[in-house]
């Protein structure tokens, strides 16, 4: 994944004030957190290891990663990275699955029985709409949204991005939410 991130063309924005962290470093650190599916504290040793190996130039704090996690440029570049990694399968597959899944923004929401009157499942979630190759299960394109987003408005965009990437899709599978 390090090589794929390094291949990406990312313009670093210059600004006054505190120095920005390199976007490529931020993406690598966010990928570590995602792969481990854990907190910053649990992922920090792996992030330090990236720095020790010269794969990132500095170790961002938890606050810095949280800030960049909501950054539009980072979101766009992660979507681009997903697409770039799928291109290895461009001539291998022609069946695409389109679906969505909820992702919790916060691990655990307390005891459901004690909180069921005020419990809103969409409040603590995001939704990820994905276009995935059937055989390899490789995600070709993804769109993160709020947890209460409907599926159908994202269908055309997902399919268009996959086709623009050069995939020749012959079979498309999606659930009724995308109709």
Foldseek 3Di string as FASTA:
>chain_A
DLVLLVPDDDDDDDDDDDDAAPLSLLLVQVVQCVVVVDACVVSVVVSVVCCVVVSGVDRDDSVNSVVCVPPPSSVVVVQVSLQVVCVVCQPPAAEKEKDKDKDFQDPDDPDCVVCVVPDDPQVGIKMKIFIATDPVRRTNGIDIGGSVDQDQVCVVVRVVSNVVSNHNHDHYHYDPSND
